[in-house]
Amino acid sequence: MPELPEVETVRRGLAPVLEGQRLASVRINRPNLRFPFVPRFVERLTGQRVDRLNRRAKYLIADLGSGEHLILHLGMSGRFVVEQIDETRQPGAFHQAIPRLAAHDHVVFETAAGARIVYNDPRRFGFMVLVEAGALCDHPLLAGLGIEPLSNDFHAGAIDRLFAGKAAPLKAALLDQRLIAGLGNIYVCEALHRAGLSPARPAGTLSGARRRAACARERLAGAIRDVLTEAVAAGGSSISDHARTDGSLGYFQHAFRVYDREGAPCPTPGCHGHIQRQVQSGRSTFSCIRCQK
């Protein structure tokens, strides 16, 4: 499933063609994705201006001129494709690094400026939800989300507060969307390795006034921010279905230090360990038990 960097990459690709533009037409090619479309979905969107395209955790949120909000989630295999329409209303030439079957083009938006934005989702685990004006913050999808790891609210002090008294493994705490929103398995593994912290370490050990705890949470906060920033700059990681809105692939996977590198030598200078894989809460964790403590 796309994580924060992939979703932010998609947002940045869509924003130039959607923000400030009116949706001249909207077409749905089936009655549902993961969930059924809300009543009058097409009518409520057609003719609306997209004032702003935001990201919250792993969700895209389009603020509409009507005051309503469109929440979009990519699921496992969803992606947006941006095409330009020529004067005959035909899509222009478009290069795709990942083949796309038109049978999986489930939603098509056309802007008054001539852009065609196609939502393609073979597995249909993604969804689109329209939220009434004034109800966004209280919506069940967003109400319980934690702080954004790329925001000014995220720092070592926030980790101290969030992890205080928590006996859960550090990796599980980082994946808890109620604490920190948007982190996923790949980037947690990468950040923990950079910070030299074991994924099995109790999260509460990073809290408190002890010097070692303070240093550990400083390293972790910096590693999380650096990994996410680098991944966004690289266009995310194309592990399975993720592609940018122009069809090209992200390439941060080439910079992985530990994820999916079981048996490889640890890249930490001076460490002679090897990357090991273990299962935590049903997910693969990759780490070096020699230098991650």
C-alpha atoms as a PDB file:
ATOM      1  CA  MET A   1       0.000   0.000   0.000  1.00  0.00           C
ATOM      2  CA  PRO A   2       1.393   3.462  -0.848  1.00  0.00           C
ATOM      3  CA  GLU A   3       2.891   5.221   2.151  1.00  0.00           C
ATOM      4  CA  LEU A   4       3.244   8.927   2.863  1.00  0.00           C
ATOM      5  CA  PRO A   5       5.977   9.646   0.271  1.00  0.00           C
ATOM      6  CA  GLU A   6       4.027   7.956  -2.532  1.00  0.00           C
ATOM      7  CA  VAL A   7       0.818   9.806  -1.648  1.00  0.00           C
ATOM      8  CA  GLU A   8       2.664  13.128  -1.378  1.00  0.00           C
ATOM      9  CA  THR A   9       4.272  12.442  -4.760  1.00  0.00           C
ATOM     10  CA  VAL A  10       0.820  11.904  -6.275  1.00  0.00           C
ATOM     11  CA  ARG A  11      -0.477  15.092  -4.623  1.00  0.00           C
ATOM     12  CA  ARG A  12       2.368  17.106  -6.131  1.00  0.00           C
ATOM     13  CA  GLY A  13       1.665  15.617  -9.541  1.00  0.00           C
ATOM     14  CA  LEU A  14      -2.059  16.363  -9.393  1.00  0.00           C
ATOM     15  CA  ALA A  15      -1.950  19.820  -7.803  1.00  0.00           C
ATOM     16  CA  PRO A  16      -0.781  21.738 -10.931  1.00  0.00           C
ATOM     17  CA  VAL A  17      -3.625  20.340 -13.047  1.00  0.00           C
ATOM     18  CA  LEU A  18      -6.372  20.397 -10.402  1.00  0.00           C
ATOM     19  CA  GLU A  19      -5.893  23.340  -8.056  1.00  0.00           C
ATOM     20  CA  GLY A  20      -7.899  26.351  -9.201  1.00  0.00           C
ATOM     21  CA  GLN A  21      -9.542  24.335 -11.970  1.00  0.00           C
ATOM     22  CA  ARG A  22     -13.208  23.552 -12.558  1.00  0.00           C
ATOM     23  CA  LEU A  23     -14.288  19.949 -13.058  1.00  0.00           C
ATOM     24  CA  ALA A  24     -16.057  20.136 -16.403  1.00  0.00           C
ATOM     25  CA  SER A  25     -17.116  16.496 -16.287  1.00  0.00           C
ATOM     26  CA  VAL A  26     -16.897  13.499 -13.975  1.00  0.00           C
ATOM     27  CA  ARG A  27     -17.554   9.922 -15.032  1.00  0.00           C
ATOM     28  CA  ILE A  28     -17.690   6.758 -12.934  1.00  0.00           C
ATOM     29  CA  ASN A  29     -17.486   3.451 -14.769  1.00  0.00           C
ATOM     30  CA  ARG A  30     -18.787   1.262 -11.948  1.00  0.00           C
ATOM     31  CA  PRO A  31     -21.018   1.796  -8.892  1.00  0.00           C
ATOM     32  CA  ASN A  32     -18.287   1.224  -6.334  1.00  0.00           C
ATOM     33  CA  LEU A  33     -14.611   0.932  -5.508  1.00  0.00           C
ATOM     34  CA  ARG A  34     -13.894  -0.479  -2.050  1.00  0.00           C
ATOM     35  CA  PHE A  35     -17.134   1.219  -1.002  1.00  0.00           C
ATOM     36  CA  PRO A  36     -20.137   2.358  -3.064  1.00  0.00           C
ATOM     37  CA  PHE A  37     -19.990   5.932  -4.308  1.00  0.00           C
ATOM     38  CA  VAL A  38     -22.162   8.291  -2.276  1.00  0.00           C
ATOM     39  CA  PRO A  39     -25.519   9.350  -3.772  1.00  0.00           C
ATOM     40  CA  ARG A  40     -25.229  11.979  -6.505  1.00  0.00           C
ATOM     41  CA  PHE A  41     -21.432  11.649  -6.522  1.00  0.00           C
ATOM     42  CA  VAL A  42     -21.093  12.811 -10.129  1.00  0.00           C
ATOM     43  CA  GLU A  43     -23.622  15.647  -9.794  1.00  0.00           C
ATOM     44  CA  ARG A  44     -22.027  16.994  -6.630  1.00  0.00           C
ATOM     45  CA  LEU A  45     -18.589  17.145  -8.260  1.00  0.00           C
ATOM     46  CA  THR A  46     -19.413  18.300 -11.789  1.00  0.00           C
ATOM     47  CA  GLY A  47     -18.887  22.030 -12.203  1.00  0.00           C
ATOM     48  CA  GLN A  48     -17.051  22.413  -8.902  1.00  0.00           C
ATOM     49  CA  ARG A  49     -13.748  24.241  -8.604  1.00  0.00           C
ATOM     50  CA  VAL A  50     -10.913  22.478  -6.786  1.00  0.00           C
ATOM     51  CA  ASP A  51      -9.606  25.178  -4.477  1.00  0.00           C
ATOM     52  CA  ARG A  52      -6.805  23.149  -2.931  1.00  0.00           C
ATOM     53  CA  LEU A  53      -5.416  19.629  -2.914  1.00  0.00           C
ATOM     54  CA  ASN A  54      -4.071  18.562   0.469  1.00  0.00           C
ATOM     55  CA  ARG A  55      -2.641  15.407   2.004  1.00  0.00           C
ATOM     56  CA  ARG A  56      -3.459  14.081   5.483  1.00  0.00           C
ATOM     57  CA  ALA A  57      -1.555  10.930   6.405  1.00  0.00           C
ATOM     58  CA  LYS A  58      -2.134   8.593   3.430  1.00  0.00           C
ATOM     59  CA  TYR A  59      -5.257  10.421   2.188  1.00  0.00           C
ATOM     60  CA  LEU A  60      -5.609  13.063  -0.522  1.00  0.00           C
ATOM     61  CA  ILE A  61      -8.199  15.735   0.214  1.00  0.00           C
ATOM     62  CA  ALA A  62      -9.607  18.051  -2.446  1.00  0.00           C
ATOM     63  CA  ASP A  63     -11.276  21.183  -1.056  1.00  0.00           C
ATOM     64  CA  LEU A  64     -14.135  22.116  -3.376  1.00  0.00           C
ATOM     65  CA  GLY A  65     -15.712  25.471  -4.131  1.00  0.00           C
ATOM     66  CA  SER A  66     -19.005  24.191  -2.718  1.00  0.00           C
ATOM     67  CA  GLY A  67     -17.367  23.781   0.695  1.00  0.00           C
ATOM     68  CA  GLU A  68     -17.454  20.006   0.420  1.00  0.00           C
ATOM     69  CA  HIS A  69     -14.316  17.872   0.521  1.00  0.00           C
ATOM     70  CA  LEU A  70     -13.373  14.876  -1.598  1.00  0.00           C
ATOM     71  CA  ILE A  71     -11.260  12.314   0.284  1.00  0.00           C
ATOM     72  CA  LEU A  72      -9.301   9.980  -1.983  1.00  0.00           C
ATOM     73  CA  HIS A  73      -7.392   6.853  -0.945  1.00  0.00           C
ATOM     74  CA  LEU A  74      -5.221   4.829  -3.324  1.00  0.00           C
ATOM     75  CA  GLY A  75      -5.623   1.472  -1.595  1.00  0.00           C
ATOM     76  CA  MET A  76      -3.246  -1.262  -2.746  1.00  0.00           C
ATOM     77  CA  SER A  77      -3.068  -0.602  -6.484  1.00  0.00           C
ATOM     78  CA  GLY A  78      -4.804   2.709  -7.185  1.00  0.00           C
ATOM     79  CA  ARG A  79      -3.065   5.414  -9.194  1.00  0.00           C
ATOM     80  CA  PHE A  80      -3.924   8.603 -11.000  1.00  0.00           C
ATOM     81  CA  VAL A  81      -2.952   9.216 -14.598  1.00  0.00           C
ATOM     82  CA  VAL A  82      -2.858  12.744 -16.015  1.00  0.00           C
ATOM     83  CA  GLU A  83      -3.415  13.231 -19.724  1.00  0.00           C
ATOM     84  CA  GLN A  84      -3.955  16.312 -21.856  1.00  0.00           C
ATOM     85  CA  ILE A  85      -6.947  16.321 -24.191  1.00  0.00           C
ATOM     86  CA  ASP A  86      -6.516  17.705 -27.707  1.00  0.00           C
ATOM     87  CA  GLU A  87      -9.087  19.724 -29.631  1.00  0.00           C
ATOM     88  CA  THR A  88     -10.917  16.575 -30.760  1.00  0.00           C
ATOM     89  CA  ARG A  89     -11.432  15.588 -27.097  1.00  0.00           C
ATOM     90  CA  GLN A  90      -9.053  12.657 -27.468  1.00  0.00           C
ATOM     91  CA  PRO A  91      -6.413  11.903 -24.837  1.00  0.00           C
ATOM     92  CA  GLY A  92      -2.934  12.936 -25.911  1.00  0.00           C
ATOM     93  CA  ALA A  93       0.130  10.743 -26.114  1.00  0.00           C
ATOM     94  CA  PHE A  94       1.154   9.353 -22.760  1.00  0.00           C
ATOM     95  CA  HIS A  95       4.165   7.279 -21.735  1.00  0.00           C
ATOM     96  CA  GLN A  96       3.639   4.741 -18.967  1.00  0.00           C
ATOM     97  CA  ALA A  97       6.362   2.814 -17.187  1.00  0.00           C
ATOM     98  CA  ILE A  98       3.743   0.419 -15.804  1.00  0.00           C
ATOM     99  CA  PRO A  99       1.184  -0.950 -18.315  1.00  0.00           C
ATOM    100  CA  ARG A 100      -2.333   0.290 -17.670  1.00  0.00           C
ATOM    101  CA  LEU A 101      -5.474  -1.591 -18.663  1.00  0.00           C
ATOM    102  CA  ALA A 102      -8.357   0.697 -19.573  1.00  0.00           C
ATOM    103  CA  ALA A 103     -10.755  -1.846 -18.037  1.00  0.00           C
ATOM    104  CA  HIS A 104      -9.523  -0.649 -14.646  1.00  0.00           C
ATOM    105  CA  ASP A 105     -10.128   3.059 -15.369  1.00  0.00           C
ATOM    106  CA  HIS A 106     -12.912   3.503 -12.830  1.00  0.00           C
ATOM    107  CA  VAL A 107     -13.209   7.285 -12.448  1.00  0.00           C
ATOM    108  CA  VAL A 108     -12.436   9.978 -15.018  1.00  0.00           C
ATOM    109  CA  PHE A 109     -12.239  13.708 -14.244  1.00  0.00           C
ATOM    110  CA  GLU A 110     -11.951  16.325 -16.989  1.00  0.00           C
ATOM    111  CA  THR A 111     -11.103  19.929 -16.181  1.00  0.00           C
ATOM    112  CA  ALA A 112     -12.263  22.979 -18.067  1.00  0.00           C
ATOM    113  CA  ALA A 113      -8.598  23.650 -18.906  1.00  0.00           C
ATOM    114  CA  GLY A 114      -8.329  20.392 -20.867  1.00  0.00           C
ATOM    115  CA  ALA A 115      -6.726  17.963 -18.452  1.00  0.00           C
ATOM    116  CA  ARG A 116      -8.012  14.415 -18.092  1.00  0.00           C
ATOM    117  CA  ILE A 117      -7.326  12.721 -14.746  1.00  0.00           C
ATOM    118  CA  VAL A 118      -8.000   8.991 -14.670  1.00  0.00           C
ATOM    119  CA  TYR A 119      -8.210   6.888 -11.536  1.00  0.00           C
ATOM    120  CA  ASN A 120      -7.053   3.357 -12.371  1.00  0.00           C
ATOM    121  CA  ASP A 121      -7.302   0.619  -9.732  1.00  0.00           C
ATOM    122  CA  PRO A 122      -7.076  -3.092 -10.682  1.00  0.00           C
ATOM    123  CA  ARG A 123      -7.752  -4.367  -7.150  1.00  0.00           C
ATOM    124  CA  ARG A 124     -10.327  -1.696  -6.243  1.00  0.00           C
ATOM    125  CA  PHE A 125      -9.128  -1.277  -2.660  1.00  0.00           C
ATOM    126  CA  GLY A 126      -9.075   2.488  -3.060  1.00  0.00           C
ATOM    127  CA  PHE A 127     -12.064   4.720  -2.424  1.00  0.00           C
ATOM    128  CA  MET A 128     -13.484   8.232  -2.815  1.00  0.00           C
ATOM    129  CA  VAL A 129     -15.654   9.828  -0.155  1.00  0.00           C
ATOM    130  CA  LEU A 130     -17.477  13.164  -0.317  1.00  0.00           C
ATOM    131  CA  VAL A 131     -17.663  14.995   3.008  1.00  0.00           C
ATOM    132  CA  GLU A 132     -20.112  17.820   3.665  1.00  0.00           C
ATOM    133  CA  ALA A 133     -18.869  21.315   4.441  1.00  0.00           C
ATOM    134  CA  GLY A 134     -17.695  21.734   8.034  1.00  0.00           C
ATOM    135  CA  ALA A 135     -17.562  17.995   8.736  1.00  0.00           C
ATOM    136  CA  LEU A 136     -14.019  17.169   7.595  1.00  0.00           C
ATOM    137  CA  CYS A 137     -12.188  17.278  10.936  1.00  0.00           C
ATOM    138  CA  ASP A 138     -14.780  15.056  12.591  1.00  0.00           C
ATOM    139  CA  HIS A 139     -14.940  12.504   9.797  1.00  0.00           C
ATOM    140  CA  PRO A 140     -14.138   8.969  11.054  1.00  0.00           C
ATOM    141  CA  LEU A 141     -11.288   8.594   8.549  1.00  0.00           C
ATOM    142  CA  LEU A 142      -9.458  11.648   9.884  1.00  0.00           C
ATOM    143  CA  ALA A 143     -10.628  12.355  13.424  1.00  0.00           C
ATOM    144  CA  GLY A 144      -8.269   9.961  15.187  1.00  0.00           C
ATOM    145  CA  LEU A 145      -5.103  10.613  13.199  1.00  0.00           C
ATOM    146  CA  GLY A 146      -1.899  11.631  14.941  1.00  0.00           C
ATOM    147  CA  ILE A 147       0.668  14.283  14.052  1.00  0.00           C
ATOM    148  CA  GLU A 148       2.201  14.618  10.609  1.00  0.00           C
ATOM    149  CA  PRO A 149       5.860  13.520  10.588  1.00  0.00           C
ATOM    150  CA  LEU A 150       6.830  16.238   8.097  1.00  0.00           C
ATOM    151  CA  SER A 151       5.117  19.017  10.043  1.00  0.00           C
ATOM    152  CA  ASN A 152       6.647  21.403  12.570  1.00  0.00           C
ATOM    153  CA  ASP A 153       4.735  19.543  15.289  1.00  0.00           C
ATOM    154  CA  PHE A 154       6.938  16.494  14.853  1.00  0.00           C
ATOM    155  CA  HIS A 155      10.199  16.582  16.812  1.00  0.00           C
ATOM    156  CA  ALA A 156      12.001  14.785  19.617  1.00  0.00           C
ATOM    157  CA  GLY A 157       9.729  16.394  22.214  1.00  0.00           C
ATOM    158  CA  ALA A 158       6.667  14.991  20.469  1.00  0.00           C
ATOM    159  CA  ILE A 159       8.189  11.500  20.524  1.00  0.00           C
ATOM    160  CA  ASP A 160       8.871  11.923  24.246  1.00  0.00           C
ATOM    161  CA  ARG A 161       5.219  12.756  24.858  1.00  0.00           C
ATOM    162  CA  LEU A 162       3.688  10.193  22.503  1.00  0.00           C
ATOM    163  CA  PHE A 163       5.742   7.213  23.678  1.00  0.00           C
ATOM    164  CA  ALA A 164       5.654   7.889  27.420  1.00  0.00           C
ATOM    165  CA  GLY A 165       4.773   4.696  29.293  1.00  0.00           C
ATOM    166  CA  LYS A 166       4.282   2.601  26.149  1.00  0.00           C
ATOM    167  CA  ALA A 167       5.468  -1.003  26.338  1.00  0.00           C
ATOM    168  CA  ALA A 168       4.644  -1.718  22.676  1.00  0.00           C
ATOM    169  CA  PRO A 169       7.600  -2.431  20.374  1.00  0.00           C
ATOM    170  CA  LEU A 170       9.046   0.690  18.830  1.00  0.00           C
ATOM    171  CA  LYS A 171       8.063  -0.329  15.310  1.00  0.00           C
ATOM    172  CA  ALA A 172       4.443  -0.948  16.360  1.00  0.00           C
ATOM    173  CA  ALA A 173       4.276   2.471  18.031  1.00  0.00           C
ATOM    174  CA  LEU A 174       5.607   4.185  14.913  1.00  0.00           C
ATOM    175  CA  LEU A 175       3.005   2.426  12.768  1.00  0.00           C
ATOM    176  CA  ASP A 176       0.169   3.465  15.095  1.00  0.00           C
ATOM    177  CA  GLN A 177      -1.663   6.065  12.994  1.00  0.00           C
ATOM    178  CA  ARG A 178      -3.224   7.511  16.151  1.00  0.00           C
ATOM    179  CA  LEU A 179       0.224   8.652  17.240  1.00  0.00           C
ATOM    180  CA  ILE A 180       2.033   9.534  14.009  1.00  0.00           C
ATOM    181  CA  ALA A 181       0.046   9.723  10.790  1.00  0.00           C
ATOM    182  CA  GLY A 182       1.291   8.374   7.476  1.00  0.00           C
ATOM    183  CA  LEU A 183       4.226   6.173   8.434  1.00  0.00           C
ATOM    184  CA  GLY A 184       4.257   2.686   6.916  1.00  0.00           C
ATOM    185  CA  ASN A 185       6.337  -0.457   7.101  1.00  0.00           C
ATOM    186  CA  ILE A 186       9.005   0.440   4.554  1.00  0.00           C
ATOM    187  CA  TYR A 187       9.993   3.838   5.883  1.00  0.00           C
ATOM    188  CA  VAL A 188       9.798   2.802   9.532  1.00  0.00           C
ATOM    189  CA  CYS A 189      12.305   0.023   8.838  1.00  0.00           C
ATOM    190  CA  GLU A 190      14.583   2.477   7.043  1.00  0.00           C
ATOM    191  CA  ALA A 191      14.330   5.183   9.721  1.00  0.00           C
ATOM    192  CA  LEU A 192      14.974   2.785  12.597  1.00  0.00           C
ATOM    193  CA  HIS A 193      18.135   1.541  10.907  1.00  0.00           C
ATOM    194  CA  ARG A 194      19.413   5.056  10.328  1.00  0.00           C
ATOM    195  CA  ALA A 195      18.700   5.903  13.962  1.00  0.00           C
ATOM    196  CA  GLY A 196      20.394   2.723  15.198  1.00  0.00           C
ATOM    197  CA  LEU A 197      17.302   1.612  17.114  1.00  0.00           C
ATOM    198  CA  SER A 198      15.877  -1.885  17.387  1.00  0.00           C
ATOM    199  CA  PRO A 199      12.323  -2.326  16.094  1.00  0.00           C
ATOM    200  CA  ALA A 200      11.649  -4.612  19.071  1.00  0.00           C
ATOM    201  CA  ARG A 201      12.738  -2.082  21.688  1.00  0.00           C
ATOM    202  CA  PRO A 202       9.897  -0.892  23.978  1.00  0.00           C
ATOM    203  CA  ALA A 203       8.727   2.502  22.732  1.00  0.00           C
ATOM    204  CA  GLY A 204       8.637   3.906  26.264  1.00  0.00           C
ATOM    205  CA  THR A 205      12.427   3.623  26.531  1.00  0.00           C
ATOM    206  CA  LEU A 206      12.686   6.679  24.277  1.00  0.00           C
ATOM    207  CA  SER A 207      10.745   8.785  26.753  1.00  0.00           C
ATOM    208  CA  GLY A 208      12.043  10.501  29.881  1.00  0.00           C
ATOM    209  CA  ALA A 209      14.875  12.758  30.980  1.00  0.00           C
ATOM    210  CA  ARG A 210      17.713  10.255  30.669  1.00  0.00           C
ATOM    211  CA  ARG A 211      20.438  11.373  28.276  1.00  0.00           C
ATOM    212  CA  ARG A 212      20.394   8.115  26.297  1.00  0.00           C
ATOM    213  CA  ALA A 213      16.641   8.367  25.781  1.00  0.00           C
ATOM    214  CA  ALA A 214      16.917  11.998  24.700  1.00  0.00           C
ATOM    215  CA  CYS A 215      19.668  11.174  22.204  1.00  0.00           C
ATOM    216  CA  ALA A 216      17.697   8.221  20.834  1.00  0.00           C
ATOM    217  CA  ARG A 217      14.552  10.244  20.160  1.00  0.00           C
ATOM    218  CA  GLU A 218      16.599  13.035  18.570  1.00  0.00           C
ATOM    219  CA  ARG A 219      18.156  10.495  16.208  1.00  0.00           C
ATOM    220  CA  LEU A 220      14.780   8.939  15.455  1.00  0.00           C
ATOM    221  CA  ALA A 221      13.018  12.236  14.737  1.00  0.00           C
ATOM    222  CA  GLY A 222      15.821  13.261  12.379  1.00  0.00           C
ATOM    223  CA  ALA A 223      15.930   9.885  10.654  1.00  0.00           C
ATOM    224  CA  ILE A 224      12.171   9.835  10.040  1.00  0.00           C
ATOM    225  CA  ARG A 225      12.203  13.330   8.582  1.00  0.00           C
ATOM    226  CA  ASP A 226      15.259  12.615   6.412  1.00  0.00           C
ATOM    227  CA  VAL A 227      13.937   9.308   5.066  1.00  0.00           C
ATOM    228  CA  LEU A 228      10.548  10.775   4.168  1.00  0.00           C
ATOM    229  CA  THR A 229      12.051  13.909   2.599  1.00  0.00           C
ATOM    230  CA  GLU A 230      14.464  11.860   0.476  1.00  0.00           C
ATOM    231  CA  ALA A 231      11.709   9.454  -0.543  1.00  0.00           C
ATOM    232  CA  VAL A 232       9.414  12.277  -1.660  1.00  0.00           C
ATOM    233  CA  ALA A 233      12.251  13.797  -3.674  1.00  0.00           C
ATOM    234  CA  ALA A 234      12.795  10.399  -5.324  1.00  0.00           C
ATOM    235  CA  GLY A 235       9.112  10.039  -6.192  1.00  0.00           C
ATOM    236  CA  GLY A 236       8.479   7.343  -3.599  1.00  0.00           C
ATOM    237  CA  SER A 237       9.239   3.647  -3.912  1.00  0.00           C
ATOM    238  CA  SER A 238       7.873   1.555  -6.773  1.00  0.00           C
ATOM    239  CA  ILE A 239       7.642  -1.757  -4.941  1.00  0.00           C
ATOM    240  CA  SER A 240       4.507  -3.025  -6.648  1.00  0.00           C
ATOM    241  CA  ASP A 241       1.916  -0.838  -8.346  1.00  0.00           C
ATOM    242  CA  HIS A 242       2.950   2.690  -7.444  1.00  0.00           C
ATOM    243  CA  ALA A 243       3.625   5.090 -10.283  1.00  0.00           C
ATOM    244  CA  ARG A 244       3.665   8.864 -10.456  1.00  0.00           C
ATOM    245  CA  THR A 245       0.921  10.757 -12.236  1.00  0.00           C
ATOM    246  CA  ASP A 246       3.057  10.926 -15.394  1.00  0.00           C
ATOM    247  CA  GLY A 247       3.405   7.146 -15.402  1.00  0.00           C
ATOM    248  CA  SER A 248       7.046   7.079 -14.343  1.00  0.00           C
ATOM    249  CA  LEU A 249       8.303   5.049 -11.409  1.00  0.00           C
ATOM    250  CA  GLY A 250       9.636   6.267  -8.092  1.00  0.00           C
ATOM    251  CA  TYR A 251      13.181   5.144  -7.389  1.00  0.00           C
ATOM    252  CA  PHE A 252      13.772   5.437  -3.622  1.00  0.00           C
ATOM    253  CA  GLN A 253      13.800   1.627  -3.475  1.00  0.00           C
ATOM    254  CA  HIS A 254      17.323   1.811  -4.901  1.00  0.00           C
ATOM    255  CA  ALA A 255      18.383   3.628  -1.724  1.00  0.00           C
ATOM    256  CA  PHE A 256      16.953   1.084   0.716  1.00  0.00           C
ATOM    257  CA  ARG A 257      19.424   0.200   3.433  1.00  0.00           C
ATOM    258  CA  VAL A 258      17.497  -2.641   5.007  1.00  0.00           C
ATOM    259  CA  TYR A 259      14.030  -3.128   3.537  1.00  0.00           C
ATOM    260  CA  ASP A 260      13.815  -6.359   1.519  1.00  0.00           C
ATOM    261  CA  ARG A 261      17.603  -6.849   1.869  1.00  0.00           C
ATOM    262  CA  GLU A 262      17.601  -9.963   4.052  1.00  0.00           C
ATOM    263  CA  GLY A 263      21.069 -11.494   4.260  1.00  0.00           C
ATOM    264  CA  ALA A 264      22.868  -8.460   2.823  1.00  0.00           C
ATOM    265  CA  PRO A 265      25.765  -6.882   4.740  1.00  0.00           C
ATOM    266  CA  CYS A 266      24.716  -4.022   6.999  1.00  0.00           C
ATOM    267  CA  PRO A 267      25.589  -0.700   5.304  1.00  0.00           C
ATOM    268  CA  THR A 268      26.422   1.050   8.587  1.00  0.00           C
ATOM    269  CA  PRO A 269      30.132   1.968   8.504  1.00  0.00           C
ATOM    270  CA  GLY A 270      32.128  -0.294  10.788  1.00  0.00           C
ATOM    271  CA  CYS A 271      29.278  -2.740  11.358  1.00  0.00           C
ATOM    272  CA  HIS A 272      29.961  -6.307  10.303  1.00  0.00           C
ATOM    273  CA  GLY A 273      26.414  -7.524  10.799  1.00  0.00           C
ATOM    274  CA  HIS A 274      23.869  -8.656   8.228  1.00  0.00           C
ATOM    275  CA  ILE A 275      20.279  -7.644   7.603  1.00  0.00           C
ATOM    276  CA  GLN A 276      17.792 -10.006   9.161  1.00  0.00           C
ATOM    277  CA  ARG A 277      14.081 -10.432   8.624  1.00  0.00           C
ATOM    278  CA  GLN A 278      11.569 -11.049  11.373  1.00  0.00           C
ATOM    279  CA  VAL A 279       7.781 -10.872  11.507  1.00  0.00           C
ATOM    280  CA  GLN A 280       6.107  -8.332  13.790  1.00  0.00           C
ATOM    281  CA  SER A 281       2.320  -8.159  13.885  1.00  0.00           C
ATOM    282  CA  GLY A 282       2.147 -10.019  10.582  1.00  0.00           C
ATOM    283  CA  ARG A 283       4.548  -7.671   8.778  1.00  0.00           C
ATOM    284  CA  SER A 284       8.131  -8.221   7.708  1.00  0.00           C
ATOM    285  CA  THR A 285      10.690  -6.224   9.658  1.00  0.00           C
ATOM    286  CA  PHE A 286      14.208  -5.777   8.309  1.00  0.00           C
ATOM    287  CA  SER A 287      16.981  -4.722  10.655  1.00  0.00           C
ATOM    288  CA  CYS A 288      20.535  -5.330  11.804  1.00  0.00           C
ATOM    289  CA  ILE A 289      20.584  -6.799  15.292  1.00  0.00           C
ATOM    290  CA  ARG A 290      24.246  -5.876  15.644  1.00  0.00           C
ATOM    291  CA  CYS A 291      24.007  -2.094  15.337  1.00  0.00           C
ATOM    292  CA  GLN A 292      20.336  -1.469  16.120  1.00  0.00           C
ATOM    293  CA  LYS A 293      19.881  -1.455  19.879  1.00  0.00           C
END
